Amino acid sequence: MPISAIGAVEKLTAQLDNNIVQYQLPLAAIDEDSEQQSIALNPLIGKKLTLNFHGKIACKHCGRATKKSYSQGFCYPCMTKLAQCDMCIMKPETCHHHLGTCREPKWGEQHCMVDHYVYLSNTSALKVGITRHTQIPTRWIDQGATQALPIFKVSTRLQSGLVETALAKFISDKTNWRAMLKGSNEALDLKAQAKILIPQIAQRLADIKLKFGDDAVQLLNEDMVEITYPVSQYLTKINSFNFDKTPTVSGILLGIKGQYLIFEQGVINMRKFSSYQINVEY
């Protein structure tokens, strides 16, 4: 008999165990009679997994029913008022907390005015990224990175954005998700790449220190992290499933990488469908 679970999609959670990612699919309670659940996904690889979308979406902040999910799980009113949905989350160099115009100053203090790391990673290719100190290695796993190396520690999200945009003039700051899902890239020497890149942004680093203080940017000497994903087979052609167009996604689960479940016939980005109410059978 198949096991069935029901709930609202939340982003996949993951932990590293001997450099291998262990994934879970959390399902939030959808009413007072249900409870939070978490499905271990690694044991399901090679088995049939079925996801059925009920046609209902409820904002993960206020619980309001919404026909469309904004910013990965919010209703439109919450998307327009929450700091975590503001444009500066996507473009940290535009942080405006210091101007007194943050949508939620207390939220900004907790999430943006804290230590951040600027890192190099190997996803679809060499890229630069940023993350809060509390999101290592989660951020790298979410992006499907097979290697990652923190290179700078800074005091705020704004400062991390300034460093990132400087490095983005030389390498990508985005992941080609289709390429990422076709397999593991050739290994890179991220420390060697850092030695090449850092001198090229020396002036930007000096400007940041002049404005924010000598301790605003700290050069790190960390070990590179290797990450292996639980994938039995990669696809040569990437077809993307969408609950809005295909309410039922079903097939043999071939693996998980980033926030994607990989089936025989295509992939689905679970984070994209946060707050969608689904039934899971396995």
Protein backbone atom coordinates (compact mmCIF):
# COMPACT_ATOMS: atom_id res chain seq x y z
CA MET A 1 0.00 0.00 0.00
CA PRO A 2 1.40 3.43 -0.93
CA ILE A 3 1.96 5.97 1.82
CA SER A 4 0.07 9.25 1.44
CA ALA A 5 0.73 12.68 2.96
CA ILE A 6 -0.98 16.02 2.48
CA GLY A 7 0.18 19.57 3.14
CA ALA A 8 1.48 22.85 1.73
CA VAL A 9 4.81 22.74 -0.07
CA GLU A 10 7.82 24.32 1.62
CA LYS A 11 11.32 24.51 0.16
CA LEU A 12 13.30 21.31 0.40
CA THR A 13 15.46 21.07 3.49
CA ALA A 14 18.85 19.42 3.34
CA GLN A 15 21.89 18.44 5.37
CA LEU A 16 25.36 17.30 4.41
CA ASP A 17 26.34 13.84 5.63
CA ASN A 18 29.92 12.98 4.61
CA ASN A 19 29.52 15.51 1.75
CA ILE A 20 26.37 13.75 0.48
CA VAL A 21 23.13 15.76 0.58
CA GLN A 22 20.26 14.28 2.57
CA TYR A 23 16.94 15.81 1.46
CA GLN A 24 13.52 16.18 3.06
CA LEU A 25 10.25 17.54 1.65
CA PRO A 26 8.45 19.53 4.37
CA LEU A 27 4.67 19.83 4.14
CA ALA A 28 3.09 22.57 6.25
CA ALA A 29 -0.25 21.95 7.95
CA ILE A 30 -3.18 23.20 5.84
CA ASP A 31 -5.83 23.31 8.59
CA GLU A 32 -6.24 22.88 12.33
CA ASP A 33 -6.79 19.16 11.94
CA SER A 34 -3.47 18.54 10.16
CA GLU A 35 0.13 18.88 11.25
CA GLN A 36 3.55 19.62 9.81
CA GLN A 37 5.14 16.64 8.08
CA SER A 38 8.54 15.95 6.57
CA ILE A 39 9.23 13.24 3.99
CA ALA A 40 12.74 11.82 3.67
CA LEU A 41 13.45 11.85 -0.06
CA ASN A 42 16.75 10.00 -0.47
CA PRO A 43 15.17 6.59 0.30
CA LEU A 44 12.59 7.25 -2.45
CA ILE A 45 15.12 7.47 -5.29
CA GLY A 46 14.42 4.68 -7.75
CA LYS A 47 10.81 4.44 -6.60
CA LYS A 48 7.53 5.90 -7.85
CA LEU A 49 6.60 9.28 -6.41
CA THR A 50 3.36 11.12 -7.16
CA LEU A 51 2.59 14.78 -6.39
CA ASN A 52 -1.02 15.96 -6.80
CA PHE A 53 -1.79 19.70 -6.64
CA HIS A 54 -5.24 20.40 -5.14
CA GLY A 55 -5.71 23.76 -6.87
CA LYS A 56 -5.40 25.67 -3.58
CA ILE A 57 -2.66 28.10 -2.55
CA ALA A 58 -2.56 29.89 0.81
CA CYS A 59 -0.06 32.65 1.63
CA LYS A 60 2.62 31.27 3.93
CA HIS A 61 2.70 34.55 5.90
CA CYS A 62 -0.94 35.49 6.48
CA GLY A 63 -2.77 32.33 5.34
CA ARG A 64 -4.95 34.21 2.83
CA ALA A 65 -6.13 32.18 -0.16
CA THR A 66 -4.48 33.38 -3.36
CA LYS A 67 -4.90 32.32 -6.98
CA LYS A 68 -1.25 33.09 -7.68
CA SER A 69 1.86 32.68 -5.56
CA TYR A 70 4.18 35.69 -5.40
CA SER A 71 7.84 35.59 -4.33
CA GLN A 72 7.65 31.84 -3.74
CA GLY A 73 4.64 31.46 -1.52
CA PHE A 74 3.10 34.84 -0.67
CA CYS A 75 -0.15 36.59 -1.58
CA TYR A 76 0.09 39.92 -3.42
CA PRO A 77 -0.53 42.20 -0.37
CA CYS A 78 2.19 40.43 1.65
CA MET A 79 4.56 40.52 -1.32
CA THR A 80 4.22 44.31 -1.43
CA LYS A 81 4.78 44.92 2.28
CA LEU A 82 7.22 42.30 3.57
CA ALA A 83 10.93 43.08 3.65
CA GLN A 84 11.78 39.53 2.59
CA CYS A 85 9.95 40.18 -0.70
CA ASP A 86 11.61 43.54 -1.45
CA MET A 87 13.84 43.96 -4.50
CA CYS A 88 16.92 44.40 -2.30
CA ILE A 89 16.71 40.70 -1.40
CA MET A 90 17.50 39.91 -5.04
CA LYS A 91 19.88 42.86 -5.38
CA PRO A 92 21.56 43.35 -1.98
CA GLU A 93 23.64 46.25 -3.23
CA THR A 94 20.37 48.26 -3.28
CA CYS A 95 19.71 47.73 0.46
CA HIS A 96 18.09 50.88 1.84
CA HIS A 97 17.92 50.04 5.55
CA HIS A 98 20.41 52.83 6.35
CA LEU A 99 18.05 55.33 4.68
CA GLY A 100 15.24 54.49 7.09
CA THR A 101 13.02 53.15 4.32
CA CYS A 102 13.20 49.41 5.07
CA ARG A 103 9.74 47.81 4.94
CA GLU A 104 10.40 46.05 8.25
CA PRO A 105 13.38 47.55 10.11
CA LYS A 106 13.43 44.85 12.82
CA TRP A 107 13.43 42.11 10.18
CA GLY A 108 16.26 43.91 8.42
CA GLU A 109 18.27 44.07 11.65
CA GLN A 110 17.89 40.33 12.14
CA HIS A 111 18.55 39.21 8.57
CA CYS A 112 20.51 41.92 6.75
CA MET A 113 22.56 43.73 9.37
CA VAL A 114 24.46 40.54 10.23
CA ASP A 115 27.56 38.79 8.94
CA HIS A 116 27.40 37.64 5.33
CA TYR A 117 29.81 35.65 3.21
CA VAL A 118 30.82 36.19 -0.40
CA TYR A 119 31.69 32.87 -2.01
CA LEU A 120 32.76 31.21 -5.22
CA SER A 121 30.93 28.07 -6.31
CA ASN A 122 30.78 25.56 -9.13
CA THR A 123 27.15 25.20 -10.21
CA SER A 124 26.56 25.29 -13.95
CA ALA A 125 29.96 27.01 -14.10
CA LEU A 126 32.10 29.22 -11.88
CA LYS A 127 29.92 31.80 -10.12
CA VAL A 128 29.94 34.28 -7.27
CA GLY A 129 27.25 34.44 -4.62
CA ILE A 130 26.43 35.71 -1.14
CA THR A 131 24.73 34.23 1.89
CA ARG A 132 24.13 34.87 5.58
CA HIS A 133 26.48 33.08 7.93
CA THR A 134 23.56 30.93 9.10
CA GLN A 135 22.85 29.65 5.57
CA ILE A 136 26.09 27.76 4.97
CA PRO A 137 25.98 25.19 3.37
CA THR A 138 22.21 25.46 2.72
CA ARG A 139 22.61 28.21 0.14
CA TRP A 140 25.13 26.21 -1.86
CA ILE A 141 22.93 23.11 -1.83
CA ASP A 142 19.87 25.14 -2.92
CA GLN A 143 21.84 26.31 -5.97
CA GLY A 144 23.09 22.85 -6.87
CA ALA A 145 26.76 23.71 -6.28
CA THR A 146 29.19 20.78 -6.35
CA GLN A 147 32.01 22.90 -4.88
CA ALA A 148 31.97 26.07 -2.79
CA LEU A 149 34.53 28.34 -1.17
CA PRO A 150 33.84 31.34 1.11
CA ILE A 151 36.32 34.08 0.22
CA PHE A 152 35.12 37.17 2.13
CA LYS A 153 33.27 37.84 5.36
CA VAL A 154 31.44 41.17 5.59
CA SER A 155 29.29 42.86 8.23
CA THR A 156 26.06 43.50 6.32
CA ARG A 157 24.06 42.36 3.33
CA LEU A 158 24.67 45.68 1.59
CA GLN A 159 28.44 45.21 1.82
CA SER A 160 28.18 41.67 0.47
CA GLY A 161 26.24 43.01 -2.50
CA LEU A 162 28.91 45.60 -3.23
CA VAL A 163 31.61 42.91 -3.28
CA GLU A 164 29.48 40.54 -5.32
CA THR A 165 28.69 43.08 -8.04
CA ALA A 166 32.40 43.85 -8.34
CA LEU A 167 33.22 40.17 -8.89
CA ALA A 168 30.23 39.75 -11.22
CA LYS A 169 32.03 41.92 -13.76
CA PHE A 170 34.42 39.01 -14.26
CA ILE A 171 32.34 35.87 -13.55
CA SER A 172 28.65 35.01 -13.52
CA ASP A 173 26.42 35.63 -10.51
CA LYS A 174 23.70 33.33 -11.82
CA THR A 175 23.23 29.59 -12.28
CA ASN A 176 22.14 28.07 -15.57
CA TRP A 177 19.67 25.66 -13.97
CA ARG A 178 19.26 23.53 -17.07
CA ALA A 179 23.00 22.96 -17.33
CA MET A 180 23.20 22.33 -13.57
CA LEU A 181 20.60 19.55 -13.89
CA LYS A 182 22.41 17.73 -16.69
CA GLY A 183 25.20 16.48 -14.44
CA SER A 184 28.20 17.46 -12.35
CA ASN A 185 30.63 19.98 -13.78
CA GLU A 186 34.32 19.34 -14.16
CA ALA A 187 36.00 20.12 -10.84
CA LEU A 188 37.49 23.59 -10.43
CA ASP A 189 40.34 24.89 -8.28
CA LEU A 190 38.32 27.59 -6.52
CA LYS A 191 41.28 28.81 -4.47
CA ALA A 192 43.26 29.39 -7.64
CA GLN A 193 40.29 31.23 -9.14
CA ALA A 194 40.05 33.42 -6.03
CA LYS A 195 43.73 34.37 -6.31
CA ILE A 196 43.08 35.56 -9.86
CA LEU A 197 39.86 37.44 -9.10
CA ILE A 198 40.59 39.21 -5.82
CA PRO A 199 43.33 41.54 -7.16
CA GLN A 200 40.94 42.63 -9.91
CA ILE A 201 38.53 44.14 -7.37
CA ALA A 202 41.16 45.72 -5.12
CA GLN A 203 39.84 49.24 -5.72
CA ARG A 204 36.24 48.27 -4.86
CA LEU A 205 37.46 46.61 -1.65
CA ALA A 206 39.43 49.73 -0.73
CA ASP A 207 36.37 51.92 -1.35
CA ILE A 208 34.19 49.71 0.88
CA LYS A 209 36.74 49.79 3.70
CA LEU A 210 37.06 53.56 3.38
CA LYS A 211 33.29 53.95 3.70
CA PHE A 212 32.49 51.29 6.31
CA GLY A 213 35.77 50.73 8.15
CA ASP A 214 38.80 48.45 7.80
CA ASP A 215 36.93 45.50 9.31
CA ALA A 216 34.03 45.75 6.84
CA VAL A 217 35.62 43.18 4.51
CA GLN A 218 37.70 40.32 5.83
CA LEU A 219 39.62 38.03 3.47
CA LEU A 220 39.16 34.39 4.45
CA ASN A 221 41.33 31.31 4.17
CA GLU A 222 38.73 28.53 4.27
CA ASP A 223 38.74 25.01 2.92
CA MET A 224 36.71 24.27 -0.18
CA VAL A 225 33.52 22.27 0.40
CA GLU A 226 32.67 19.36 -1.92
CA ILE A 227 28.99 18.46 -2.35
CA THR A 228 27.55 15.26 -3.84
CA TYR A 229 23.87 14.99 -4.76
CA PRO A 230 21.67 11.90 -4.57
CA VAL A 231 21.10 11.38 -8.30
CA SER A 232 20.99 7.93 -9.90
CA GLN A 233 20.65 9.29 -13.45
CA TYR A 234 20.77 12.75 -15.03
CA LEU A 235 18.57 13.77 -17.95
CA THR A 236 19.95 14.71 -21.34
CA LYS A 237 16.92 16.87 -22.12
CA ILE A 238 15.34 19.01 -19.40
CA ASN A 239 11.56 19.30 -19.34
CA SER A 240 10.17 21.39 -16.48
CA PHE A 241 6.90 20.47 -14.76
CA ASN A 242 4.53 23.22 -13.58
CA PHE A 243 1.68 22.52 -11.14
CA ASP A 244 -0.39 25.33 -12.71
CA LYS A 245 -0.36 23.48 -16.04
CA THR A 246 0.12 19.88 -14.87
CA PRO A 247 -1.53 19.31 -11.47
CA THR A 248 -0.19 15.75 -11.23
CA VAL A 249 3.52 15.01 -11.45
CA SER A 250 4.30 11.31 -11.22
CA GLY A 251 7.06 8.88 -12.11
CA ILE A 252 10.24 7.23 -10.93
CA LEU A 253 12.31 9.63 -8.85
CA LEU A 254 15.81 9.64 -10.32
CA GLY A 255 17.34 12.11 -7.91
CA ILE A 256 17.37 15.51 -6.24
CA LYS A 257 19.67 18.44 -6.93
CA GLY A 258 19.32 22.02 -5.79
CA GLN A 259 15.60 22.47 -5.18
CA TYR A 260 14.68 20.15 -8.06
CA LEU A 261 13.14 16.70 -8.01
CA ILE A 262 14.35 14.80 -11.08
CA PHE A 263 11.88 12.36 -12.66
CA GLU A 264 12.25 10.23 -15.79
CA GLN A 265 10.16 12.68 -17.83
CA GLY A 266 11.31 15.98 -16.36
CA VAL A 267 12.05 18.07 -13.27
CA ILE A 268 10.10 20.23 -10.84
CA ASN A 269 11.42 23.12 -8.75
CA MET A 270 9.72 22.57 -5.40
CA ARG A 271 10.73 25.95 -3.99
CA LYS A 272 8.94 27.69 -6.86
CA PHE A 273 5.69 26.10 -5.70
CA SER A 274 5.92 27.00 -2.02
CA SER A 275 2.44 27.22 -0.41
CA TYR A 276 0.80 25.00 -3.05
CA GLN A 277 -1.34 22.39 -1.28
CA ILE A 278 -0.49 18.92 -2.53
CA ASN A 279 -0.97 15.26 -1.80
CA VAL A 280 2.17 13.11 -1.91
CA GLU A 281 2.04 9.37 -2.58
CA TYR A 282 5.06 7.09 -2.41
